[in-house]
PDB file of all heavy atoms in Angstrom:
ATOM      1  N   THR A   1      -4.493 -23.559   3.738  1.00  0.00           N
ATOM      2  CA  THR A   1      -3.397 -22.615   3.465  1.00  0.00           C
ATOM      3  C   THR A   1      -3.200 -22.411   1.969  1.00  0.00           C
ATOM      4  O   THR A   1      -3.042 -21.279   1.487  1.00  0.00           O
ATOM      5  CB  THR A   1      -2.091 -23.136   4.085  1.00  0.00           C
ATOM      6  OG1 THR A   1      -2.272 -23.312   5.490  1.00  0.00           O
ATOM      7  CG2 THR A   1      -0.949 -22.158   3.847  1.00  0.00           C
ATOM      8  N   ALA A   2      -3.199 -23.541   1.211  1.00  0.00           N
ATOM      9  CA  ALA A   2      -2.994 -23.463  -0.237  1.00  0.00           C
ATOM     10  C   ALA A   2      -4.085 -22.648  -0.914  1.00  0.00           C
ATOM     11  O   ALA A   2      -3.833 -21.908  -1.871  1.00  0.00           O
ATOM     12  CB  ALA A   2      -2.931 -24.870  -0.832  1.00  0.00           C
ATOM     13  N   VAL A   3      -5.329 -22.802  -0.412  1.00  0.00           N
ATOM     14  CA  VAL A   3      -6.451 -22.071  -1.010  1.00  0.00           C
ATOM     15  C   VAL A   3      -6.418 -20.597  -0.614  1.00  0.00           C
ATOM     16  O   VAL A   3      -6.552 -19.700  -1.446  1.00  0.00           O
ATOM     17  CB  VAL A   3      -7.791 -22.712  -0.590  1.00  0.00           C
ATOM     18  CG1 VAL A   3      -8.972 -21.858  -1.064  1.00  0.00           C
ATOM     19  CG2 VAL A   3      -7.901 -24.123  -1.166  1.00  0.00           C
ATOM     20  N   SER A   4      -6.221 -20.342   0.690  1.00  0.00           N
ATOM     21  CA  SER A   4      -6.288 -18.958   1.175  1.00  0.00           C
ATOM     22  C   SER A   4      -5.115 -18.111   0.702  1.00  0.00           C
ATOM     23  O   SER A   4      -5.244 -16.892   0.547  1.00  0.00           O
ATOM     24  CB  SER A   4      -6.358 -18.938   2.701  1.00  0.00           C
ATOM     25  OG  SER A   4      -5.197 -19.543   3.255  1.00  0.00           O
ATOM     26  N   ILE A   5      -3.949 -18.761   0.491  1.00  0.00           N
ATOM     27  CA  ILE A   5      -2.771 -17.974   0.084  1.00  0.00           C
ATOM     28  C   ILE A   5      -2.901 -17.464  -1.340  1.00  0.00           C
ATOM     29  O   ILE A   5      -2.195 -16.542  -1.754  1.00  0.00           O
ATOM     30  CB  ILE A   5      -1.478 -18.819   0.232  1.00  0.00           C
ATOM     31  CG1 ILE A   5      -0.251 -17.902   0.334  1.00  0.00           C
ATOM     32  CG2 ILE A   5      -1.305 -19.754  -0.969  1.00  0.00           C
ATOM     33  CD1 ILE A   5      -0.206 -17.097   1.575  1.00  0.00           C
ATOM     34  N   GLN A   6      -3.822 -18.079  -2.120  1.00  0.00           N
ATOM     35  CA  GLN A   6      -4.000 -17.641  -3.501  1.00  0.00           C
ATOM     36  C   GLN A   6      -4.563 -16.230  -3.588  1.00  0.00           C
ATOM     37  O   GLN A   6      -4.268 -15.489  -4.520  1.00  0.00           O
ATOM     38  CB  GLN A   6      -4.927 -18.617  -4.240  1.00  0.00           C
ATOM     39  CG  GLN A   6      -4.357 -20.010  -4.412  1.00  0.00           C
ATOM     40  CD  GLN A   6      -3.048 -20.009  -5.185  1.00  0.00           C
ATOM     41  OE1 GLN A   6      -2.917 -19.320  -6.202  1.00  0.00           O
ATOM     42  NE2 GLN A   6      -2.084 -20.766  -4.697  1.00  0.00           N
ATOM     43  N   LEU A   7      -5.383 -15.859  -2.609  1.00  0.00           N
ATOM     44  CA  LEU A   7      -5.995 -14.526  -2.643  1.00  0.00           C
ATOM     45  C   LEU A   7      -4.969 -13.404  -2.512  1.00  0.00           C
ATOM     46  O   LEU A   7      -4.946 -12.477  -3.326  1.00  0.00           O
ATOM     47  CB  LEU A   7      -7.060 -14.424  -1.549  1.00  0.00           C
ATOM     48  CG  LEU A   7      -8.281 -15.337  -1.744  1.00  0.00           C
ATOM     49  CD1 LEU A   7      -9.223 -15.219  -0.555  1.00  0.00           C
ATOM     50  CD2 LEU A   7      -9.001 -14.996  -3.042  1.00  0.00           C
ATOM     51  N   PRO A   8      -4.050 -13.473  -1.498  1.00  0.00           N
ATOM     52  CA  PRO A   8      -3.039 -12.412  -1.436  1.00  0.00           C
ATOM     53  C   PRO A   8      -2.049 -12.460  -2.600  1.00  0.00           C
ATOM     54  O   PRO A   8      -1.447 -11.446  -2.940  1.00  0.00           O
ATOM     55  CB  PRO A   8      -2.306 -12.685  -0.108  1.00  0.00           C
ATOM     56  CG  PRO A   8      -3.202 -13.574   0.670  1.00  0.00           C
ATOM     57  CD  PRO A   8      -3.992 -14.352  -0.312  1.00  0.00           C
ATOM     58  N   MET A   9      -1.901 -13.655  -3.209  1.00  0.00           N
ATOM     59  CA  MET A   9      -0.923 -13.785  -4.293  1.00  0.00           C
ATOM     60  C   MET A   9      -1.448 -13.294  -5.629  1.00  0.00           C
ATOM     61  O   MET A   9      -0.677 -13.093  -6.565  1.00  0.00           O
ATOM     62  CB  MET A   9      -0.490 -15.249  -4.429  1.00  0.00           C
ATOM     63  CG  MET A   9       0.429 -15.734  -3.320  1.00  0.00           C
ATOM     64  SD  MET A   9       1.967 -14.783  -3.224  1.00  0.00           S
ATOM     65  CE  MET A   9       2.721 -15.226  -4.789  1.00  0.00           C
ATOM     66  N   LEU A  10      -2.762 -13.093  -5.753  1.00  0.00           N
ATOM     67  CA  LEU A  10      -3.327 -12.647  -7.025  1.00  0.00           C
ATOM     68  C   LEU A  10      -2.733 -11.317  -7.497  1.00  0.00           C
ATOM     69  O   LEU A  10      -2.311 -11.196  -8.647  1.00  0.00           O
ATOM     70  CB  LEU A  10      -4.855 -12.546  -6.913  1.00  0.00           C
ATOM     71  CG  LEU A  10      -5.612 -13.886  -6.899  1.00  0.00           C
ATOM     72  CD1 LEU A  10      -7.104 -13.643  -6.705  1.00  0.00           C
ATOM     73  CD2 LEU A  10      -5.361 -14.652  -8.191  1.00  0.00           C
ATOM     74  N   PRO A  11      -2.694 -10.267  -6.636  1.00  0.00           N
ATOM     75  CA  PRO A  11      -2.075  -9.017  -7.101  1.00  0.00           C
ATOM     76  C   PRO A  11      -0.585  -9.157  -7.402  1.00  0.00           C
ATOM     77  O   PRO A  11      -0.062  -8.475  -8.286  1.00  0.00           O
ATOM     78  CB  PRO A  11      -2.310  -8.049  -5.939  1.00  0.00           C
ATOM     79  CG  PRO A  11      -2.597  -8.904  -4.758  1.00  0.00           C
ATOM     80  CD  PRO A  11      -3.255 -10.124  -5.281  1.00  0.00           C
ATOM     81  N   VAL A  12       0.098 -10.066  -6.666  1.00  0.00           N
ATOM     82  CA  VAL A  12       1.523 -10.279  -6.937  1.00  0.00           C
ATOM     83  C   VAL A  12       1.711 -10.886  -8.323  1.00  0.00           C
ATOM     84  O   VAL A  12       2.587 -10.479  -9.087  1.00  0.00           O
ATOM     85  CB  VAL A  12       2.147 -11.186  -5.855  1.00  0.00           C
ATOM     86  CG1 VAL A  12       3.601 -11.478  -6.183  1.00  0.00           C
ATOM     87  CG2 VAL A  12       2.034 -10.528  -4.483  1.00  0.00           C
ATOM     88  N   LYS A  13       0.870 -11.882  -8.647  1.00  0.00           N
ATOM     89  CA  LYS A  13       0.937 -12.496  -9.979  1.00  0.00           C
ATOM     90  C   LYS A  13       0.606 -11.481 -11.070  1.00  0.00           C
ATOM     91  O   LYS A  13       1.230 -11.456 -12.135  1.00  0.00           O
ATOM     92  CB  LYS A  13      -0.026 -13.678 -10.056  1.00  0.00           C
ATOM     93  CG  LYS A  13       0.375 -14.871  -9.204  1.00  0.00           C
ATOM     94  CD  LYS A  13      -0.636 -15.994  -9.334  1.00  0.00           C
ATOM     95  CE  LYS A  13      -0.209 -17.206  -8.504  1.00  0.00           C
ATOM     96  NZ  LYS A  13      -1.199 -18.305  -8.585  1.00  0.00           N
ATOM     97  N   LYS A  14      -0.392 -10.628 -10.776  1.00  0.00           N
ATOM     98  CA  LYS A  14      -0.755  -9.584 -11.738  1.00  0.00           C
ATOM     99  C   LYS A  14       0.395  -8.602 -11.938  1.00  0.00           C
ATOM    100  O   LYS A  14       0.680  -8.165 -13.056  1.00  0.00           O
ATOM    101  CB  LYS A  14      -2.005  -8.852 -11.236  1.00  0.00           C
ATOM    102  CG  LYS A  14      -2.596  -7.875 -12.232  1.00  0.00           C
ATOM    103  CD  LYS A  14      -3.892  -7.288 -11.703  1.00  0.00           C
ATOM    104  CE  LYS A  14      -4.495  -6.305 -12.705  1.00  0.00           C
ATOM    105  NZ  LYS A  14      -5.764  -5.720 -12.192  1.00  0.00           N
ATOM    106  N   LEU A  15       1.071  -8.276 -10.837  1.00  0.00           N
ATOM    107  CA  LEU A  15       2.221  -7.375 -10.919  1.00  0.00           C
ATOM    108  C   LEU A  15       3.347  -8.007 -11.731  1.00  0.00           C
ATOM    109  O   LEU A  15       3.985  -7.339 -12.549  1.00  0.00           O
ATOM    110  CB  LEU A  15       2.716  -7.029  -9.513  1.00  0.00           C
ATOM    111  CG  LEU A  15       3.955  -6.138  -9.423  1.00  0.00           C
ATOM    112  CD1 LEU A  15       3.675  -4.775 -10.036  1.00  0.00           C
ATOM    113  CD2 LEU A  15       4.397  -5.989  -7.966  1.00  0.00           C
ATOM    114  N   ILE A  16       3.587  -9.299 -11.510  1.00  0.00           N
ATOM    115  CA  ILE A  16       4.642  -9.995 -12.253  1.00  0.00           C
ATOM    116  C   ILE A  16       4.326  -9.998 -13.747  1.00  0.00           C
ATOM    117  O   ILE A  16       5.206  -9.771 -14.588  1.00  0.00           O
ATOM    118  CB  ILE A  16       4.815 -11.435 -11.722  1.00  0.00           C
ATOM    119  CG1 ILE A  16       5.385 -11.398 -10.302  1.00  0.00           C
ATOM    120  CG2 ILE A  16       5.723 -12.253 -12.640  1.00  0.00           C
ATOM    121  CD1 ILE A  16       5.453 -12.751  -9.642  1.00  0.00           C
ATOM    122  N   ARG A  17       3.052 -10.241 -14.096  1.00  0.00           N
ATOM    123  CA  ARG A  17       2.660 -10.208 -15.510  1.00  0.00           C
ATOM    124  C   ARG A  17       2.879  -8.818 -16.099  1.00  0.00           C
ATOM    125  O   ARG A  17       3.350  -8.669 -17.231  1.00  0.00           O
ATOM    126  CB  ARG A  17       1.195 -10.618 -15.659  1.00  0.00           C
ATOM    127  CG  ARG A  17       0.943 -12.111 -15.490  1.00  0.00           C
ATOM    128  CD  ARG A  17      -0.428 -12.499 -16.027  1.00  0.00           C
ATOM    129  NE  ARG A  17      -1.497 -11.811 -15.315  1.00  0.00           N
ATOM    130  CZ  ARG A  17      -2.117 -12.292 -14.242  1.00  0.00           C
ATOM    131  NH1 ARG A  17      -1.752 -13.472 -13.756  1.00  0.00           N
ATOM    132  NH2 ARG A  17      -3.086 -11.614 -13.660  1.00  0.00           N
ATOM    133  N   GLY A  18       2.529  -7.788 -15.316  1.00  0.00           N
ATOM    134  CA  GLY A  18       2.735  -6.423 -15.801  1.00  0.00           C
ATOM    135  C   GLY A  18       4.203  -6.096 -15.998  1.00  0.00           C
ATOM    136  O   GLY A  18       4.582  -5.465 -16.999  1.00  0.00           O
ATOM    137  N   MET A  19       5.060  -6.511 -15.057  1.00  0.00           N
ATOM    138  CA  MET A  19       6.498  -6.272 -15.184  1.00  0.00           C
ATOM    139  C   MET A  19       7.072  -7.007 -16.394  1.00  0.00           C
ATOM    140  O   MET A  19       7.956  -6.501 -17.081  1.00  0.00           O
ATOM    141  CB  MET A  19       7.215  -6.734 -13.910  1.00  0.00           C
ATOM    142  CG  MET A  19       6.826  -5.958 -12.657  1.00  0.00           C
ATOM    143  SD  MET A  19       7.289  -4.208 -12.733  1.00  0.00           S
ATOM    144  CE  MET A  19       9.062  -4.324 -12.590  1.00  0.00           C
ATOM    145  N   THR A  20       6.540  -8.213 -16.654  1.00  0.00           N
ATOM    146  CA  THR A  20       6.981  -8.958 -17.839  1.00  0.00           C
ATOM    147  C   THR A  20       6.604  -8.213 -19.110  1.00  0.00           C
ATOM    148  O   THR A  20       7.394  -8.155 -20.065  1.00  0.00           O
ATOM    149  CB  THR A  20       6.353 -10.364 -17.842  1.00  0.00           C
ATOM    150  OG1 THR A  20       6.701 -11.047 -16.629  1.00  0.00           O
ATOM    151  CG2 THR A  20       6.847 -11.175 -19.030  1.00  0.00           C
ATOM    152  N   GLN A  21       5.410  -7.631 -19.126  1.00  0.00           N
ATOM    153  CA  GLN A  21       4.981  -6.851 -20.288  1.00  0.00           C
ATOM    154  C   GLN A  21       5.899  -5.647 -20.508  1.00  0.00           C
ATOM    155  O   GLN A  21       6.279  -5.336 -21.637  1.00  0.00           O
ATOM    156  CB  GLN A  21       3.534  -6.389 -20.104  1.00  0.00           C
ATOM    157  CG  GLN A  21       2.498  -7.500 -20.208  1.00  0.00           C
ATOM    158  CD  GLN A  21       2.372  -8.029 -21.621  1.00  0.00           C
ATOM    159  OE1 GLN A  21       3.041  -8.989 -21.999  1.00  0.00           O
ATOM    160  NE2 GLN A  21       1.527  -7.402 -22.418  1.00  0.00           N
ATOM    161  N   LEU A  22       6.243  -4.971 -19.402  1.00  0.00           N
ATOM    162  CA  LEU A  22       7.161  -3.831 -19.517  1.00  0.00           C
ATOM    163  C   LEU A  22       8.522  -4.275 -20.040  1.00  0.00           C
ATOM    164  O   LEU A  22       9.139  -3.601 -20.874  1.00  0.00           O
ATOM    165  CB  LEU A  22       7.335  -3.149 -18.157  1.00  0.00           C
ATOM    166  CG  LEU A  22       6.153  -2.351 -17.600  1.00  0.00           C
ATOM    167  CD1 LEU A  22       6.555  -1.669 -16.302  1.00  0.00           C
ATOM    168  CD2 LEU A  22       5.666  -1.314 -18.601  1.00  0.00           C
ATOM    169  N   ALA A  23       9.014  -5.422 -19.535  1.00  0.00           N
ATOM    170  CA  ALA A  23      10.313  -5.931 -19.979  1.00  0.00           C
ATOM    171  C   ALA A  23      10.301  -6.273 -21.464  1.00  0.00           C
ATOM    172  O   ALA A  23      11.340  -6.197 -22.141  1.00  0.00           O
ATOM    173  CB  ALA A  23      10.703  -7.165 -19.163  1.00  0.00           C
ATOM    174  N   ASN A  24       9.125  -6.627 -21.988  1.00  0.00           N
ATOM    175  CA  ASN A  24       9.008  -6.969 -23.413  1.00  0.00           C
ATOM    176  C   ASN A  24       8.735  -5.752 -24.278  1.00  0.00           C
ATOM    177  O   ASN A  24       8.503  -5.885 -25.489  1.00  0.00           O
ATOM    178  CB  ASN A  24       7.902  -8.007 -23.611  1.00  0.00           C
ATOM    179  CG  ASN A  24       8.263  -9.356 -23.023  1.00  0.00           C
ATOM    180  OD1 ASN A  24       9.445  -9.705 -22.934  1.00  0.00           O
ATOM    181  ND2 ASN A  24       7.262 -10.131 -22.622  1.00  0.00           N
ATOM    182  N   GLY A  25       8.728  -4.567 -23.668  1.00  0.00           N
ATOM    183  CA  GLY A  25       8.582  -3.341 -24.452  1.00  0.00           C
ATOM    184  C   GLY A  25       7.160  -2.835 -24.585  1.00  0.00           C
ATOM    185  O   GLY A  25       6.914  -1.869 -25.315  1.00  0.00           O
ATOM    186  N   HIS A  26       6.201  -3.441 -23.875  1.00  0.00           N
ATOM    187  CA  HIS A  26       4.811  -2.977 -23.931  1.00  0.00           C
ATOM    188  C   HIS A  26       4.587  -1.929 -22.840  1.00  0.00           C
ATOM    189  O   HIS A  26       4.020  -2.215 -21.781  1.00  0.00           O
ATOM    190  CB  HIS A  26       3.859  -4.158 -23.763  1.00  0.00           C
ATOM    191  CG  HIS A  26       4.018  -5.234 -24.793  1.00  0.00           C
ATOM    192  ND1 HIS A  26       3.610  -5.082 -26.107  1.00  0.00           N
ATOM    193  CD2 HIS A  26       4.572  -6.471 -24.713  1.00  0.00           C
ATOM    194  CE1 HIS A  26       3.888  -6.172 -26.786  1.00  0.00           C
ATOM    195  NE2 HIS A  26       4.485  -7.035 -25.970  1.00  0.00           N
TER     196      HIS A  26
END
């Protein structure tokens, strides 16, 4: 479960990083 759940979470983590960039003015 821990290994397989990482695959669906990759785009979520990428989205969170992108939202953080937007919040910082980028």
